[in-house]
Amino acid sequence: MIDTIRILAFAGSTRKESFNKKLVGLAAEGARVAGADVTEIDLRDYPMPLFGQDLEAREGMPETAQQLKQLFLDHQGFLIASPEYNSSVSAVLKNTIDWLSRAETSDEPPLSAFAGKVAVLMAASPGGLGGLRGLVHLRAILGNIRVLVLPEQRAVSAAHKAFGADGSLVDAKQHQAILDLGTRLVEVLDKLG
């Protein structure tokens, strides 16, 4: 067993009232109840330019990307709520992954911020599929950079009507299912520890 299971929770959205920020907060609550140390972050606090190798060669990794990468390195698991933009992941989430996947030194192991980590995915969207199509793309991206993505995932449709004033999901079964995602990530990390 790992002494302290550390989980990083975030949404692939910078919108202030993001449904996905609310959703990942619920999963984080489930992980905390299961005994994990959960750090919730907002990607809007880590602005960075669009990734480009010319920019990287000229200026190196932005300071905000370095700070965020250290957070990824310091945690064993990720809870990620991904909005669906045109049937895929958001630009801010993809850009974050692109920057954090880069090695800063020649002796840094490849994909050090991602390799060997475990993730659980979820989405919330006003649409009928709840962001499910975007999760397919995110699962493929993360799998290709050596993240173990658990099969459990949830997509909350009609998100504009799904949350109560207190941030909970109106549907009690759906609310519990999101809490259970956090619990499941803790269980798997504990077994792998």
Protein backbone atom coordinates (compact mmCIF):
# COMPACT_ATOMS: atom_id res chain seq x y z
CA MET A 1 0.00 0.00 0.00
CA ILE A 2 1.15 3.55 -0.80
CA ASP A 3 1.56 5.63 2.38
CA THR A 4 -0.39 8.52 0.91
CA ILE A 5 -2.22 8.24 -2.38
CA ARG A 6 -1.95 11.58 -4.17
CA ILE A 7 -4.46 12.46 -6.86
CA LEU A 8 -4.56 15.52 -9.10
CA ALA A 9 -8.08 16.58 -10.13
CA PHE A 10 -8.84 19.04 -12.91
CA ALA A 11 -11.15 19.91 -15.78
CA GLY A 12 -10.14 20.59 -19.35
CA SER A 13 -11.99 23.89 -19.21
CA THR A 14 -11.14 27.42 -18.15
CA ARG A 15 -14.75 28.62 -18.02
CA LYS A 16 -15.62 30.04 -14.62
CA GLU A 17 -18.90 28.14 -14.25
CA SER A 18 -17.72 25.02 -16.07
CA PHE A 19 -19.91 21.95 -15.66
CA ASN A 20 -16.76 19.84 -15.82
CA LYS A 21 -15.14 21.72 -12.92
CA LYS A 22 -18.23 20.92 -10.85
CA LEU A 23 -18.12 17.30 -11.97
CA VAL A 24 -14.46 16.69 -11.16
CA GLY A 25 -15.01 18.31 -7.76
CA LEU A 26 -17.52 15.60 -6.94
CA ALA A 27 -15.14 12.83 -8.02
CA ALA A 28 -12.42 14.47 -5.91
CA GLU A 29 -14.76 14.33 -2.93
CA GLY A 30 -15.20 10.59 -3.48
CA ALA A 31 -11.41 10.12 -3.60
CA ARG A 32 -10.94 12.10 -0.38
CA VAL A 33 -13.55 10.03 1.44
CA ALA A 34 -11.65 6.92 0.27
CA GLY A 35 -8.50 8.28 1.94
CA ALA A 36 -6.57 10.03 -0.83
CA ASP A 37 -4.81 13.36 -0.68
CA VAL A 38 -6.48 15.23 -3.57
CA THR A 39 -5.19 18.43 -5.14
CA GLU A 40 -7.78 20.26 -7.22
CA ILE A 41 -6.43 22.70 -9.78
CA ASP A 42 -7.86 25.04 -12.39
CA LEU A 43 -6.03 25.14 -15.73
CA ARG A 44 -6.83 28.85 -16.00
CA ASP A 45 -4.20 29.34 -13.25
CA TYR A 46 -1.55 27.89 -15.59
CA PRO A 47 -1.77 29.90 -18.83
CA MET A 48 0.73 28.94 -21.48
CA PRO A 49 1.26 29.67 -25.16
CA LEU A 50 0.29 27.18 -27.83
CA PHE A 51 2.93 24.50 -27.99
CA GLY A 52 5.40 24.75 -30.85
CA GLN A 53 8.89 23.30 -31.17
CA ASP A 54 10.34 26.58 -32.45
CA LEU A 55 8.98 28.38 -29.40
CA GLU A 56 10.23 25.60 -27.12
CA ALA A 57 13.72 25.74 -28.68
CA ARG A 58 13.85 29.52 -28.41
CA GLU A 59 12.35 30.04 -24.93
CA GLY A 60 12.19 26.63 -23.26
CA MET A 61 9.23 25.40 -21.25
CA PRO A 62 7.07 28.22 -19.84
CA GLU A 63 7.27 28.68 -16.09
CA THR A 64 3.57 27.85 -15.69
CA ALA A 65 4.09 24.59 -17.59
CA GLN A 66 7.05 23.74 -15.33
CA GLN A 67 4.92 24.35 -12.24
CA LEU A 68 2.08 22.24 -13.60
CA LYS A 69 4.44 19.49 -14.69
CA GLN A 70 5.81 19.29 -11.16
CA LEU A 71 2.27 18.79 -9.88
CA PHE A 72 1.77 15.96 -12.37
CA LEU A 73 5.05 14.38 -11.25
CA ASP A 74 4.04 14.64 -7.59
CA HIS A 75 0.77 12.73 -7.99
CA GLN A 76 0.12 9.07 -8.83
CA GLY A 77 -3.35 9.48 -10.30
CA PHE A 78 -5.52 11.91 -12.22
CA LEU A 79 -9.23 12.68 -12.14
CA ILE A 80 -9.98 14.46 -15.41
CA ALA A 81 -13.29 15.97 -16.48
CA SER A 82 -13.11 16.82 -20.15
CA PRO A 83 -15.55 19.05 -21.99
CA GLU A 84 -16.32 18.04 -25.55
CA TYR A 85 -15.37 20.59 -28.21
CA ASN A 86 -16.47 19.58 -31.70
CA SER A 87 -16.49 15.88 -30.74
CA SER A 88 -12.98 16.02 -29.26
CA VAL A 89 -10.96 17.45 -26.36
CA SER A 90 -10.62 21.14 -25.61
CA ALA A 91 -7.64 23.09 -26.93
CA VAL A 92 -6.51 24.03 -23.42
CA LEU A 93 -6.41 20.38 -22.34
CA LYS A 94 -4.55 19.23 -25.45
CA ASN A 95 -2.07 22.11 -25.16
CA THR A 96 -1.46 21.22 -21.51
CA ILE A 97 -0.76 17.61 -22.43
CA ASP A 98 1.53 18.68 -25.27
CA TRP A 99 3.68 20.94 -23.07
CA LEU A 100 3.83 18.54 -20.11
CA SER A 101 4.83 15.60 -22.31
CA ARG A 102 8.11 17.34 -23.23
CA ALA A 103 11.41 16.49 -21.55
CA GLU A 104 13.22 19.50 -20.11
CA THR A 105 16.66 17.84 -20.03
CA SER A 106 18.38 15.17 -22.10
CA ASP A 107 18.47 12.76 -19.15
CA GLU A 108 14.79 13.11 -18.21
CA PRO A 109 12.88 9.88 -18.84
CA PRO A 110 10.37 10.13 -21.70
CA LEU A 111 6.86 11.24 -20.72
CA SER A 112 7.87 11.47 -17.05
CA ALA A 113 4.75 13.47 -16.09
CA PHE A 114 2.48 10.76 -17.51
CA ALA A 115 4.18 7.35 -17.69
CA GLY A 116 2.90 4.94 -15.05
CA LYS A 117 0.12 7.25 -13.85
CA VAL A 118 -3.49 6.10 -13.54
CA ALA A 119 -6.46 8.19 -14.68
CA VAL A 120 -10.23 8.19 -14.51
CA LEU A 121 -12.19 10.19 -17.07
CA MET A 122 -15.54 11.90 -16.96
CA ALA A 123 -17.43 14.55 -18.91
CA ALA A 124 -20.44 16.80 -18.66
CA SER A 125 -22.10 18.45 -21.62
CA PRO A 126 -25.44 20.04 -22.46
CA GLY A 127 -25.64 17.57 -25.37
CA GLY A 128 -27.36 14.22 -25.37
CA LEU A 129 -24.15 12.16 -25.20
CA GLY A 130 -22.70 14.11 -22.29
CA GLY A 131 -19.26 14.56 -23.84
CA LEU A 132 -18.72 10.87 -24.52
CA ARG A 133 -17.16 11.39 -27.98
CA GLY A 134 -14.45 13.64 -26.53
CA LEU A 135 -13.60 11.01 -23.91
CA VAL A 136 -12.82 8.52 -26.69
CA HIS A 137 -10.14 10.89 -28.01
CA LEU A 138 -8.78 11.71 -24.55
CA ARG A 139 -8.52 8.01 -23.68
CA ALA A 140 -6.50 7.40 -26.87
CA ILE A 141 -4.18 10.36 -26.23
CA LEU A 142 -3.49 9.38 -22.62
CA GLY A 143 -3.02 5.71 -23.49
CA ASN A 144 -0.43 6.67 -26.10
CA ILE A 145 1.59 8.61 -23.51
CA ARG A 146 1.61 5.63 -21.15
CA VAL A 147 -1.19 6.58 -18.75
CA LEU A 148 -3.29 3.66 -17.53
CA VAL A 149 -6.85 4.88 -18.13
CA LEU A 150 -9.38 2.89 -16.14
CA PRO A 151 -12.40 1.53 -18.02
CA GLU A 152 -14.82 3.18 -15.58
CA GLN A 153 -15.96 6.56 -16.88
CA ARG A 154 -19.10 8.69 -16.81
CA ALA A 155 -20.68 11.19 -19.17
CA VAL A 156 -23.38 13.49 -17.83
CA SER A 157 -25.80 14.71 -20.50
CA ALA A 158 -28.04 17.78 -20.24
CA ALA A 159 -25.44 19.24 -17.88
CA HIS A 160 -27.17 22.62 -17.83
CA LYS A 161 -30.01 20.91 -15.91
CA ALA A 162 -28.01 18.21 -14.10
CA PHE A 163 -26.53 20.23 -11.22
CA GLY A 164 -28.32 21.62 -8.19
CA ALA A 165 -27.59 25.03 -6.68
CA ASP A 166 -25.15 23.42 -4.22
CA GLY A 167 -23.10 21.83 -7.04
CA SER A 168 -24.40 18.31 -6.49
CA LEU A 169 -25.99 16.30 -9.24
CA VAL A 170 -29.79 16.33 -9.08
CA ASP A 171 -29.96 12.62 -9.93
CA ALA A 172 -28.83 10.82 -6.76
CA LYS A 173 -27.66 7.70 -8.65
CA GLN A 174 -25.63 9.79 -11.04
CA HIS A 175 -24.17 11.76 -8.13
CA GLN A 176 -23.09 8.54 -6.42
CA ALA A 177 -21.61 7.21 -9.67
CA ILE A 178 -19.33 10.25 -9.91
CA LEU A 179 -18.26 9.90 -6.27
CA ASP A 180 -17.56 6.24 -7.03
CA LEU A 181 -15.12 7.23 -9.81
CA GLY A 182 -12.92 8.90 -7.21
CA THR A 183 -13.22 5.90 -4.92
CA ARG A 184 -12.33 3.50 -7.74
CA LEU A 185 -9.16 5.42 -8.62
CA VAL A 186 -8.04 5.22 -4.98
CA GLU A 187 -8.74 1.47 -4.88
CA VAL A 188 -6.68 0.81 -8.02
CA LEU A 189 -3.78 3.02 -6.92
CA ASP A 190 -3.77 1.24 -3.56
CA LYS A 191 -3.55 -2.18 -5.26
CA LEU A 192 -0.80 -1.00 -7.61
CA GLY A 193 1.13 0.67 -4.78
